[in-house]
PDB file of N, CA and C in Angstrom:
ATOM      1  N   MET A   1     -13.649  15.378 -33.566  1.00  0.00           N
ATOM      2  CA  MET A   1     -14.160  14.301 -34.379  1.00  0.00           C
ATOM      3  C   MET A   1     -14.151  13.008 -33.577  1.00  0.00           C
ATOM      4  N   ALA A   2     -14.773  12.011 -34.104  1.00  0.00           N
ATOM      5  CA  ALA A   2     -14.945  10.747 -33.388  1.00  0.00           C
ATOM      6  C   ALA A   2     -13.714   9.858 -33.479  1.00  0.00           C
ATOM      7  N   ILE A   3     -13.423   9.208 -32.374  1.00  0.00           N
ATOM      8  CA  ILE A   3     -12.433   8.135 -32.321  1.00  0.00           C
ATOM      9  C   ILE A   3     -13.194   6.924 -31.806  1.00  0.00           C
ATOM     10  N   THR A   4     -13.293   5.884 -32.632  1.00  0.00           N
ATOM     11  CA  THR A   4     -14.044   4.702 -32.232  1.00  0.00           C
ATOM     12  C   THR A   4     -13.113   3.500 -32.145  1.00  0.00           C
ATOM     13  N   THR A   5     -13.566   2.486 -31.420  1.00  0.00           N
ATOM     14  CA  THR A   5     -12.799   1.246 -31.314  1.00  0.00           C
ATOM     15  C   THR A   5     -13.710   0.056 -31.593  1.00  0.00           C
ATOM     16  N   ALA A   6     -13.061  -1.026 -32.002  1.00  0.00           N
ATOM     17  CA  ALA A   6     -13.737  -2.309 -32.170  1.00  0.00           C
ATOM     18  C   ALA A   6     -12.686  -3.382 -31.956  1.00  0.00           C
ATOM     19  N   HIS A   7     -13.137  -4.576 -31.600  1.00  0.00           N
ATOM     20  CA  HIS A   7     -12.188  -5.684 -31.473  1.00  0.00           C
ATOM     21  C   HIS A   7     -12.818  -6.969 -31.971  1.00  0.00           C
ATOM     22  N   LYS A   8     -11.958  -7.836 -32.453  1.00  0.00           N
ATOM     23  CA  LYS A   8     -12.379  -9.137 -32.978  1.00  0.00           C
ATOM     24  C   LYS A   8     -11.354 -10.159 -32.504  1.00  0.00           C
ATOM     25  N   LEU A   9     -11.569 -10.680 -31.316  1.00  0.00           N
ATOM     26  CA  LEU A   9     -10.625 -11.618 -30.725  1.00  0.00           C
ATOM     27  C   LEU A   9     -11.096 -13.050 -30.922  1.00  0.00           C
ATOM     28  N   LEU A  10     -10.139 -13.922 -31.195  1.00  0.00           N
ATOM     29  CA  LEU A  10     -10.435 -15.342 -31.391  1.00  0.00           C
ATOM     30  C   LEU A  10     -10.212 -16.152 -30.117  1.00  0.00           C
ATOM     31  N   THR A  11      -9.402 -15.605 -29.209  1.00  0.00           N
ATOM     32  CA  THR A  11      -9.072 -16.285 -27.952  1.00  0.00           C
ATOM     33  C   THR A  11      -9.194 -15.284 -26.813  1.00  0.00           C
ATOM     34  N   ASP A  12      -8.911 -15.749 -25.600  1.00  0.00           N
ATOM     35  CA  ASP A  12      -8.905 -14.862 -24.431  1.00  0.00           C
ATOM     36  C   ASP A  12      -7.519 -14.304 -24.122  1.00  0.00           C
ATOM     37  N   SER A  13      -6.509 -14.677 -24.891  1.00  0.00           N
ATOM     38  CA  SER A  13      -5.139 -14.309 -24.539  1.00  0.00           C
ATOM     39  C   SER A  13      -4.877 -12.798 -24.593  1.00  0.00           C
ATOM     40  N   TRP A  14      -5.627 -12.064 -25.386  1.00  0.00           N
ATOM     41  CA  TRP A  14      -5.410 -10.621 -25.504  1.00  0.00           C
ATOM     42  C   TRP A  14      -6.519  -9.795 -24.841  1.00  0.00           C
ATOM     43  N   THR A  15      -7.465 -10.434 -24.210  1.00  0.00           N
ATOM     44  CA  THR A  15      -8.630  -9.727 -23.673  1.00  0.00           C
ATOM     45  C   THR A  15      -8.241  -8.600 -22.724  1.00  0.00           C
ATOM     46  N   GLU A  16      -7.376  -8.864 -21.783  1.00  0.00           N
ATOM     47  CA  GLU A  16      -6.994  -7.840 -20.805  1.00  0.00           C
ATOM     48  C   GLU A  16      -6.301  -6.656 -21.477  1.00  0.00           C
ATOM     49  N   HIS A  17      -5.365  -6.933 -22.377  1.00  0.00           N
ATOM     50  CA  HIS A  17      -4.679  -5.856 -23.093  1.00  0.00           C
ATOM     51  C   HIS A  17      -5.674  -5.010 -23.889  1.00  0.00           C
ATOM     52  N   VAL A  18      -6.575  -5.677 -24.601  1.00  0.00           N
ATOM     53  CA  VAL A  18      -7.544  -4.974 -25.440  1.00  0.00           C
ATOM     54  C   VAL A  18      -8.464  -4.100 -24.589  1.00  0.00           C
ATOM     55  N   GLU A  19      -8.897  -4.590 -23.442  1.00  0.00           N
ATOM     56  CA  GLU A  19      -9.733  -3.781 -22.555  1.00  0.00           C
ATOM     57  C   GLU A  19      -8.989  -2.523 -22.110  1.00  0.00           C
ATOM     58  N   ILE A  20      -7.716  -2.657 -21.781  1.00  0.00           N
ATOM     59  CA  ILE A  20      -6.906  -1.502 -21.364  1.00  0.00           C
ATOM     60  C   ILE A  20      -6.755  -0.510 -22.509  1.00  0.00           C
ATOM     61  N   VAL A  21      -6.463  -1.009 -23.700  1.00  0.00           N
ATOM     62  CA  VAL A  21      -6.288  -0.127 -24.858  1.00  0.00           C
ATOM     63  C   VAL A  21      -7.591   0.589 -25.189  1.00  0.00           C
ATOM     64  N   GLU A  22      -8.702  -0.138 -25.216  1.00  0.00           N
ATOM     65  CA  GLU A  22      -9.980   0.498 -25.541  1.00  0.00           C
ATOM     66  C   GLU A  22     -10.374   1.551 -24.501  1.00  0.00           C
ATOM     67  N   THR A  23     -10.118   1.293 -23.242  1.00  0.00           N
ATOM     68  CA  THR A  23     -10.401   2.281 -22.195  1.00  0.00           C
ATOM     69  C   THR A  23      -9.550   3.531 -22.409  1.00  0.00           C
ATOM     70  N   ALA A  24      -8.277   3.335 -22.724  1.00  0.00           N
ATOM     71  CA  ALA A  24      -7.384   4.470 -22.966  1.00  0.00           C
ATOM     72  C   ALA A  24      -7.837   5.280 -24.178  1.00  0.00           C
ATOM     73  N   VAL A  25      -8.237   4.596 -25.244  1.00  0.00           N
ATOM     74  CA  VAL A  25      -8.681   5.298 -26.453  1.00  0.00           C
ATOM     75  C   VAL A  25      -9.910   6.140 -26.153  1.00  0.00           C
ATOM     76  N   ARG A  26     -10.823   5.648 -25.325  1.00  0.00           N
ATOM     77  CA  ARG A  26     -11.989   6.451 -24.943  1.00  0.00           C
ATOM     78  C   ARG A  26     -11.551   7.735 -24.232  1.00  0.00           C
ATOM     79  N   ARG A  27     -10.484   7.663 -23.482  1.00  0.00           N
ATOM     80  CA  ARG A  27      -9.960   8.847 -22.791  1.00  0.00           C
ATOM     81  C   ARG A  27      -9.250   9.798 -23.749  1.00  0.00           C
ATOM     82  N   PHE A  28      -8.747   9.298 -24.878  1.00  0.00           N
ATOM     83  CA  PHE A  28      -8.098  10.185 -25.857  1.00  0.00           C
ATOM     84  C   PHE A  28      -9.042  11.312 -26.242  1.00  0.00           C
ATOM     85  N   ARG A  29     -10.319  11.004 -26.396  1.00  0.00           N
ATOM     86  CA  ARG A  29     -11.297  12.005 -26.809  1.00  0.00           C
ATOM     87  C   ARG A  29     -11.341  13.155 -25.817  1.00  0.00           C
ATOM     88  N   ALA A  30     -11.168  12.844 -24.537  1.00  0.00           N
ATOM     89  CA  ALA A  30     -11.202  13.881 -23.511  1.00  0.00           C
ATOM     90  C   ALA A  30      -9.964  14.777 -23.593  1.00  0.00           C
ATOM     91  N   ASP A  31      -8.844  14.207 -24.037  1.00  0.00           N
ATOM     92  CA  ASP A  31      -7.604  14.988 -24.141  1.00  0.00           C
ATOM     93  C   ASP A  31      -7.739  16.060 -25.221  1.00  0.00           C
ATOM     94  N   HIS A  32      -7.880  15.629 -26.424  1.00  0.00           N
ATOM     95  CA  HIS A  32      -8.113  16.512 -27.570  1.00  0.00           C
ATOM     96  C   HIS A  32      -8.352  15.626 -28.786  1.00  0.00           C
ATOM     97  N   ALA A  33      -9.535  15.758 -29.308  1.00  0.00           N
ATOM     98  CA  ALA A  33      -9.904  14.912 -30.443  1.00  0.00           C
ATOM     99  C   ALA A  33      -9.198  15.403 -31.696  1.00  0.00           C
ATOM    100  N   PRO A  34      -8.701  14.479 -32.515  1.00  0.00           N
ATOM    101  CA  PRO A  34      -8.090  14.913 -33.768  1.00  0.00           C
ATOM    102  C   PRO A  34      -9.167  15.440 -34.707  1.00  0.00           C
ATOM    103  N   ASP A  35      -8.758  16.258 -35.646  1.00  0.00           N
ATOM    104  CA  ASP A  35      -9.727  16.773 -36.606  1.00  0.00           C
ATOM    105  C   ASP A  35      -9.839  15.822 -37.803  1.00  0.00           C
ATOM    106  N   ASN A  36      -9.489  14.559 -37.579  1.00  0.00           N
ATOM    107  CA  ASN A  36      -9.490  13.540 -38.616  1.00  0.00           C
ATOM    108  C   ASN A  36     -10.136  12.291 -38.020  1.00  0.00           C
ATOM    109  N   GLU A  37     -11.390  12.010 -38.359  1.00  0.00           N
ATOM    110  CA  GLU A  37     -12.085  10.858 -37.779  1.00  0.00           C
ATOM    111  C   GLU A  37     -11.223   9.613 -37.850  1.00  0.00           C
ATOM    112  N   CYS A  38     -11.339   8.769 -36.819  1.00  0.00           N
ATOM    113  CA  CYS A  38     -10.408   7.661 -36.665  1.00  0.00           C
ATOM    114  C   CYS A  38     -11.113   6.445 -36.062  1.00  0.00           C
ATOM    115  N   GLN A  39     -10.764   5.256 -36.578  1.00  0.00           N
ATOM    116  CA  GLN A  39     -11.258   4.007 -36.000  1.00  0.00           C
ATOM    117  C   GLN A  39     -10.058   3.121 -35.671  1.00  0.00           C
ATOM    118  N   VAL A  40     -10.055   2.559 -34.468  1.00  0.00           N
ATOM    119  CA  VAL A  40      -9.021   1.637 -34.013  1.00  0.00           C
ATOM    120  C   VAL A  40      -9.662   0.256 -33.918  1.00  0.00           C
ATOM    121  N   VAL A  41      -9.085  -0.722 -34.613  1.00  0.00           N
ATOM    122  CA  VAL A  41      -9.584  -2.093 -34.562  1.00  0.00           C
ATOM    123  C   VAL A  41      -8.457  -2.994 -34.081  1.00  0.00           C
ATOM    124  N   LEU A  42      -8.724  -3.752 -33.030  1.00  0.00           N
ATOM    125  CA  LEU A  42      -7.764  -4.693 -32.454  1.00  0.00           C
ATOM    126  C   LEU A  42      -8.272  -6.097 -32.739  1.00  0.00           C
ATOM    127  N   PHE A  43      -7.399  -6.950 -33.275  1.00  0.00           N
ATOM    128  CA  PHE A  43      -7.880  -8.268 -33.668  1.00  0.00           C
ATOM    129  C   PHE A  43      -6.768  -9.309 -33.658  1.00  0.00           C
ATOM    130  N   GLU A  44      -7.206 -10.566 -33.653  1.00  0.00           N
ATOM    131  CA  GLU A  44      -6.309 -11.711 -33.768  1.00  0.00           C
ATOM    132  C   GLU A  44      -6.567 -12.390 -35.101  1.00  0.00           C
ATOM    133  N   MET A  45      -5.547 -13.085 -35.570  1.00  0.00           N
ATOM    134  CA  MET A  45      -5.676 -13.897 -36.773  1.00  0.00           C
ATOM    135  C   MET A  45      -5.365 -15.339 -36.390  1.00  0.00           C
ATOM    136  N   ALA A  46      -6.051 -16.277 -37.026  1.00  0.00           N
ATOM    137  CA  ALA A  46      -5.840 -17.696 -36.733  1.00  0.00           C
ATOM    138  C   ALA A  46      -4.373 -18.063 -36.916  1.00  0.00           C
ATOM    139  N   HIS A  47      -3.858 -18.857 -35.985  1.00  0.00           N
ATOM    140  CA  HIS A  47      -2.491 -19.379 -36.028  1.00  0.00           C
ATOM    141  C   HIS A  47      -1.424 -18.285 -35.931  1.00  0.00           C
ATOM    142  N   ASP A  48      -1.778 -17.133 -35.378  1.00  0.00           N
ATOM    143  CA  ASP A  48      -0.837 -16.025 -35.203  1.00  0.00           C
ATOM    144  C   ASP A  48      -1.009 -15.516 -33.771  1.00  0.00           C
ATOM    145  N   PRO A  49       0.021 -15.625 -32.933  1.00  0.00           N
ATOM    146  CA  PRO A  49      -0.133 -15.241 -31.534  1.00  0.00           C
ATOM    147  C   PRO A  49      -0.126 -13.735 -31.285  1.00  0.00           C
ATOM    148  N   GLN A  50       0.131 -12.937 -32.299  1.00  0.00           N
ATOM    149  CA  GLN A  50       0.250 -11.497 -32.098  1.00  0.00           C
ATOM    150  C   GLN A  50      -1.096 -10.790 -32.110  1.00  0.00           C
ATOM    151  N   LEU A  51      -1.117  -9.627 -31.470  1.00  0.00           N
ATOM    152  CA  LEU A  51      -2.273  -8.739 -31.538  1.00  0.00           C
ATOM    153  C   LEU A  51      -2.055  -7.821 -32.736  1.00  0.00           C
ATOM    154  N   HIS A  52      -3.046  -7.745 -33.596  1.00  0.00           N
ATOM    155  CA  HIS A  52      -2.991  -6.876 -34.774  1.00  0.00           C
ATOM    156  C   HIS A  52      -3.834  -5.642 -34.482  1.00  0.00           C
ATOM    157  N   VAL A  53      -3.346  -4.488 -34.914  1.00  0.00           N
ATOM    158  CA  VAL A  53      -4.080  -3.242 -34.701  1.00  0.00           C
ATOM    159  C   VAL A  53      -4.109  -2.457 -36.007  1.00  0.00           C
ATOM    160  N   ASN A  54      -5.308  -2.089 -36.421  1.00  0.00           N
ATOM    161  CA  ASN A  54      -5.492  -1.187 -37.567  1.00  0.00           C
ATOM    162  C   ASN A  54      -5.998   0.142 -37.043  1.00  0.00           C
ATOM    163  N   VAL A  55      -5.421   1.218 -37.544  1.00  0.00           N
ATOM    164  CA  VAL A  55      -5.909   2.562 -37.253  1.00  0.00           C
ATOM    165  C   VAL A  55      -6.265   3.182 -38.598  1.00  0.00           C
ATOM    166  N   THR A  56      -7.551   3.473 -38.773  1.00  0.00           N
ATOM    167  CA  THR A  56      -8.033   4.034 -40.028  1.00  0.00           C
ATOM    168  C   THR A  56      -8.486   5.467 -39.799  1.00  0.00           C
ATOM    169  N   HIS A  57      -7.913   6.378 -40.580  1.00  0.00           N
ATOM    170  CA  HIS A  57      -8.296   7.788 -40.546  1.00  0.00           C
ATOM    171  C   HIS A  57      -9.092   8.117 -41.805  1.00  0.00           C
ATOM    172  N   LYS A  58     -10.021   9.035 -41.674  1.00  0.00           N
ATOM    173  CA  LYS A  58     -10.807   9.470 -42.826  1.00  0.00           C
ATOM    174  C   LYS A  58      -9.911  10.141 -43.869  1.00  0.00           C
ATOM    175  N   HIS A  59      -8.925  10.916 -43.393  1.00  0.00           N
ATOM    176  CA  HIS A  59      -8.016  11.637 -44.278  1.00  0.00           C
ATOM    177  C   HIS A  59      -6.593  11.106 -44.071  1.00  0.00           C
ATOM    178  N   LEU A  60      -5.778  11.194 -45.097  1.00  0.00           N
ATOM    179  CA  LEU A  60      -4.408  10.698 -45.072  1.00  0.00           C
ATOM    180  C   LEU A  60      -3.588  11.374 -43.973  1.00  0.00           C
ATOM    181  N   THR A  61      -2.774  10.578 -43.285  1.00  0.00           N
ATOM    182  CA  THR A  61      -1.871  11.097 -42.251  1.00  0.00           C
ATOM    183  C   THR A  61      -0.438  10.755 -42.610  1.00  0.00           C
ATOM    184  N   LYS A  62       0.472  11.411 -41.946  1.00  0.00           N
ATOM    185  CA  LYS A  62       1.879  11.057 -42.072  1.00  0.00           C
ATOM    186  C   LYS A  62       2.091   9.710 -41.386  1.00  0.00           C
ATOM    187  N   GLY A  63       3.125   9.004 -41.806  1.00  0.00           N
ATOM    188  CA  GLY A  63       3.449   7.730 -41.178  1.00  0.00           C
ATOM    189  C   GLY A  63       4.011   7.921 -39.778  1.00  0.00           C
ATOM    190  N   VAL A  64       3.942   6.874 -39.005  1.00  0.00           N
ATOM    191  CA  VAL A  64       4.492   6.849 -37.652  1.00  0.00           C
ATOM    192  C   VAL A  64       5.416   5.641 -37.584  1.00  0.00           C
ATOM    193  N   PRO A  65       6.629   5.794 -37.034  1.00  0.00           N
ATOM    194  CA  PRO A  65       7.551   4.662 -36.977  1.00  0.00           C
ATOM    195  C   PRO A  65       6.917   3.416 -36.349  1.00  0.00           C
ATOM    196  N   GLY A  66       7.135   2.273 -37.003  1.00  0.00           N
ATOM    197  CA  GLY A  66       6.626   1.002 -36.518  1.00  0.00           C
ATOM    198  C   GLY A  66       5.291   0.604 -37.128  1.00  0.00           C
ATOM    199  N   TRP A  67       4.641   1.515 -37.814  1.00  0.00           N
ATOM    200  CA  TRP A  67       3.334   1.259 -38.431  1.00  0.00           C
ATOM    201  C   TRP A  67       3.504   1.099 -39.934  1.00  0.00           C
ATOM    202  N   ALA A  68       2.849   0.080 -40.498  1.00  0.00           N
ATOM    203  CA  ALA A  68       2.848  -0.123 -41.944  1.00  0.00           C
ATOM    204  C   ALA A  68       1.689   0.659 -42.545  1.00  0.00           C
ATOM    205  N   GLY A  69       1.839   1.041 -43.780  1.00  0.00           N
ATOM    206  CA  GLY A  69       0.771   1.730 -44.477  1.00  0.00           C
ATOM    207  C   GLY A  69       1.238   3.060 -44.998  1.00  0.00           C
ATOM    208  N   PRO A  70       0.340   3.817 -45.545  1.00  0.00           N
ATOM    209  CA  PRO A  70      -1.102   3.641 -45.472  1.00  0.00           C
ATOM    210  C   PRO A  70      -1.644   2.766 -46.594  1.00  0.00           C
ATOM    211  N   GLY A  71      -2.714   2.063 -46.269  1.00  0.00           N
ATOM    212  CA  GLY A  71      -3.513   1.388 -47.277  1.00  0.00           C
ATOM    213  C   GLY A  71      -4.744   2.235 -47.526  1.00  0.00           C
ATOM    214  N   ASN A  72      -5.226   2.218 -48.747  1.00  0.00           N
ATOM    215  CA  ASN A  72      -6.383   3.023 -49.114  1.00  0.00           C
ATOM    216  C   ASN A  72      -7.625   2.133 -49.106  1.00  0.00           C
ATOM    217  N   LEU A  73      -8.571   2.438 -48.240  1.00  0.00           N
ATOM    218  CA  LEU A  73      -9.822   1.687 -48.101  1.00  0.00           C
ATOM    219  C   LEU A  73     -11.007   2.618 -48.369  1.00  0.00           C
ATOM    220  N   PRO A  74     -12.182   2.064 -48.621  1.00  0.00           N
ATOM    221  CA  PRO A  74     -13.363   2.928 -48.785  1.00  0.00           C
ATOM    222  C   PRO A  74     -13.598   3.832 -47.563  1.00  0.00           C
ATOM    223  N   ALA A  75     -13.252   3.362 -46.370  1.00  0.00           N
ATOM    224  CA  ALA A  75     -13.468   4.138 -45.149  1.00  0.00           C
ATOM    225  C   ALA A  75     -12.372   5.169 -44.897  1.00  0.00           C
ATOM    226  N   GLY A  76     -11.274   5.093 -45.637  1.00  0.00           N
ATOM    227  CA  GLY A  76     -10.183   6.035 -45.419  1.00  0.00           C
ATOM    228  C   GLY A  76      -8.833   5.395 -45.633  1.00  0.00           C
ATOM    229  N   PHE A  77      -7.886   5.793 -44.804  1.00  0.00           N
ATOM    230  CA  PHE A  77      -6.497   5.347 -44.937  1.00  0.00           C
ATOM    231  C   PHE A  77      -6.095   4.582 -43.677  1.00  0.00           C
ATOM    232  N   VAL A  78      -5.648   3.346 -43.862  1.00  0.00           N
ATOM    233  CA  VAL A  78      -5.356   2.462 -42.733  1.00  0.00           C
ATOM    234  C   VAL A  78      -3.849   2.260 -42.579  1.00  0.00           C
ATOM    235  N   HIS A  79      -3.418   2.292 -41.328  1.00  0.00           N
ATOM    236  CA  HIS A  79      -2.064   1.896 -40.936  1.00  0.00           C
ATOM    237  C   HIS A  79      -2.225   0.709 -39.996  1.00  0.00           C
ATOM    238  N   ASN A  80      -1.295  -0.211 -40.027  1.00  0.00           N
ATOM    239  CA  ASN A  80      -1.406  -1.355 -39.123  1.00  0.00           C
ATOM    240  C   ASN A  80      -0.060  -1.724 -38.523  1.00  0.00           C
ATOM    241  N   ARG A  81      -0.162  -2.488 -37.468  1.00  0.00           N
ATOM    242  CA  ARG A  81       1.025  -2.963 -36.761  1.00  0.00           C
ATOM    243  C   ARG A  81       0.624  -4.138 -35.893  1.00  0.00           C
ATOM    244  N   THR A  82       1.625  -4.926 -35.479  1.00  0.00           N
ATOM    245  CA  THR A  82       1.375  -6.060 -34.590  1.00  0.00           C
ATOM    246  C   THR A  82       2.148  -5.868 -33.295  1.00  0.00           C
ATOM    247  N   PHE A  83       1.660  -6.553 -32.270  1.00  0.00           N
ATOM    248  CA  PHE A  83       2.287  -6.510 -30.956  1.00  0.00           C
ATOM    249  C   PHE A  83       2.424  -7.932 -30.432  1.00  0.00           C
ATOM    250  N   SER A  84       3.525  -8.187 -29.754  1.00  0.00           N
ATOM    251  CA  SER A  84       3.731  -9.506 -29.144  1.00  0.00           C
ATOM    252  C   SER A  84       3.243  -9.478 -27.705  1.00  0.00           C
ATOM    253  N   GLU A  85       3.043 -10.664 -27.140  1.00  0.00           N
ATOM    254  CA  GLU A  85       2.557 -10.760 -25.764  1.00  0.00           C
ATOM    255  C   GLU A  85       3.540 -10.180 -24.755  1.00  0.00           C
ATOM    256  N   ALA A  86       4.794 -10.041 -25.141  1.00  0.00           N
ATOM    257  CA  ALA A  86       5.805  -9.515 -24.225  1.00  0.00           C
ATOM    258  C   ALA A  86       5.647  -8.016 -23.998  1.00  0.00           C
ATOM    259  N   GLN A  87       4.901  -7.336 -24.848  1.00  0.00           N
ATOM    260  CA  GLN A  87       4.748  -5.892 -24.708  1.00  0.00           C
ATOM    261  C   GLN A  87       3.639  -5.560 -23.718  1.00  0.00           C
ATOM    262  N   PRO A  88       3.947  -4.725 -22.733  1.00  0.00           N
ATOM    263  CA  PRO A  88       2.915  -4.351 -21.768  1.00  0.00           C
ATOM    264  C   PRO A  88       1.832  -3.500 -22.438  1.00  0.00           C
ATOM    265  N   ALA A  89       0.628  -3.557 -21.888  1.00  0.00           N
ATOM    266  CA  ALA A  89      -0.502  -2.832 -22.457  1.00  0.00           C
ATOM    267  C   ALA A  89      -0.227  -1.333 -22.549  1.00  0.00           C
ATOM    268  N   GLY A  90       0.470  -0.788 -21.568  1.00  0.00           N
ATOM    269  CA  GLY A  90       0.773   0.644 -21.590  1.00  0.00           C
ATOM    270  C   GLY A  90       1.606   1.046 -22.793  1.00  0.00           C
ATOM    271  N   ARG A  91       2.514   0.197 -23.197  1.00  0.00           N
ATOM    272  CA  ARG A  91       3.333   0.482 -24.377  1.00  0.00           C
ATOM    273  C   ARG A  91       2.464   0.425 -25.643  1.00  0.00           C
ATOM    274  N   ILE A  92       1.556  -0.530 -25.691  1.00  0.00           N
ATOM    275  CA  ILE A  92       0.641  -0.623 -26.836  1.00  0.00           C
ATOM    276  C   ILE A  92      -0.209   0.647 -26.909  1.00  0.00           C
ATOM    277  N   VAL A  93      -0.705   1.111 -25.778  1.00  0.00           N
ATOM    278  CA  VAL A  93      -1.504   2.342 -25.735  1.00  0.00           C
ATOM    279  C   VAL A  93      -0.704   3.510 -26.310  1.00  0.00           C
ATOM    280  N   ARG A  94       0.557   3.651 -25.924  1.00  0.00           N
ATOM    281  CA  ARG A  94       1.373   4.758 -26.426  1.00  0.00           C
ATOM    282  C   ARG A  94       1.528   4.693 -27.942  1.00  0.00           C
ATOM    283  N   HIS A  95       1.766   3.496 -28.467  1.00  0.00           N
ATOM    284  CA  HIS A  95       1.914   3.347 -29.921  1.00  0.00           C
ATOM    285  C   HIS A  95       0.604   3.670 -30.639  1.00  0.00           C
ATOM    286  N   VAL A  96      -0.507   3.205 -30.095  1.00  0.00           N
ATOM    287  CA  VAL A  96      -1.806   3.491 -30.703  1.00  0.00           C
ATOM    288  C   VAL A  96      -2.084   4.993 -30.643  1.00  0.00           C
ATOM    289  N   ARG A  97      -1.791   5.597 -29.522  1.00  0.00           N
ATOM    290  CA  ARG A  97      -2.007   7.055 -29.384  1.00  0.00           C
ATOM    291  C   ARG A  97      -1.208   7.821 -30.435  1.00  0.00           C
ATOM    292  N   ASP A  98       0.050   7.439 -30.638  1.00  0.00           N
ATOM    293  CA  ASP A  98       0.880   8.104 -31.645  1.00  0.00           C
ATOM    294  C   ASP A  98       0.231   8.033 -33.028  1.00  0.00           C
ATOM    295  N   MET A  99      -0.353   6.889 -33.360  1.00  0.00           N
ATOM    296  CA  MET A  99      -0.969   6.731 -34.683  1.00  0.00           C
ATOM    297  C   MET A  99      -2.309   7.456 -34.755  1.00  0.00           C
ATOM    298  N   VAL A 100      -3.106   7.387 -33.692  1.00  0.00           N
ATOM    299  CA  VAL A 100      -4.397   8.079 -33.678  1.00  0.00           C
ATOM    300  C   VAL A 100      -4.192   9.584 -33.907  1.00  0.00           C
ATOM    301  N   PHE A 101      -3.171  10.153 -33.274  1.00  0.00           N
ATOM    302  CA  PHE A 101      -2.934  11.577 -33.363  1.00  0.00           C
ATOM    303  C   PHE A 101      -1.864  11.941 -34.394  1.00  0.00           C
ATOM    304  N   ALA A 102      -1.640  11.039 -35.366  1.00  0.00           N
ATOM    305  CA  ALA A 102      -0.671  11.327 -36.433  1.00  0.00           C
ATOM    306  C   ALA A 102      -1.101  12.590 -37.187  1.00  0.00           C
ATOM    307  N   GLU A 103      -0.115  13.327 -37.594  1.00  0.00           N
ATOM    308  CA  GLU A 103      -0.363  14.582 -38.296  1.00  0.00           C
ATOM    309  C   GLU A 103      -0.956  14.341 -39.685  1.00  0.00           C
ATOM    310  N   ALA A 104      -1.972  15.099 -40.021  1.00  0.00           N
ATOM    311  CA  ALA A 104      -2.592  14.995 -41.344  1.00  0.00           C
ATOM    312  C   ALA A 104      -1.622  15.501 -42.412  1.00  0.00           C
ATOM    313  N   VAL A 105      -1.747  14.915 -43.590  1.00  0.00           N
ATOM    314  CA  VAL A 105      -0.889  15.335 -44.716  1.00  0.00           C
ATOM    315  C   VAL A 105      -1.535  16.507 -45.411  1.00  0.00           C
TER     316      VAL A 105
END
């Protein structure tokens, strides 16, 4: 199934991290695609220095430590989490990967 990404950045402070994460997510498909369509959205919010990440699956998944949710949206079930600038991009990739490949309920 498809794993897609999108980003909505307000500044340049997260650009490098987001590029690394999006490149890694594209490679996830080559590893083994989940049988649960998934969208990863990376974004900033005004007056908040953290990177916000939403992972939305078409079907409900089990929770993953550190992720809030699930929220129920028309597109599926969303989990979210934030990251501080102190976290290296590789660590963010690992956390996103864990949520993308979360086990279906």
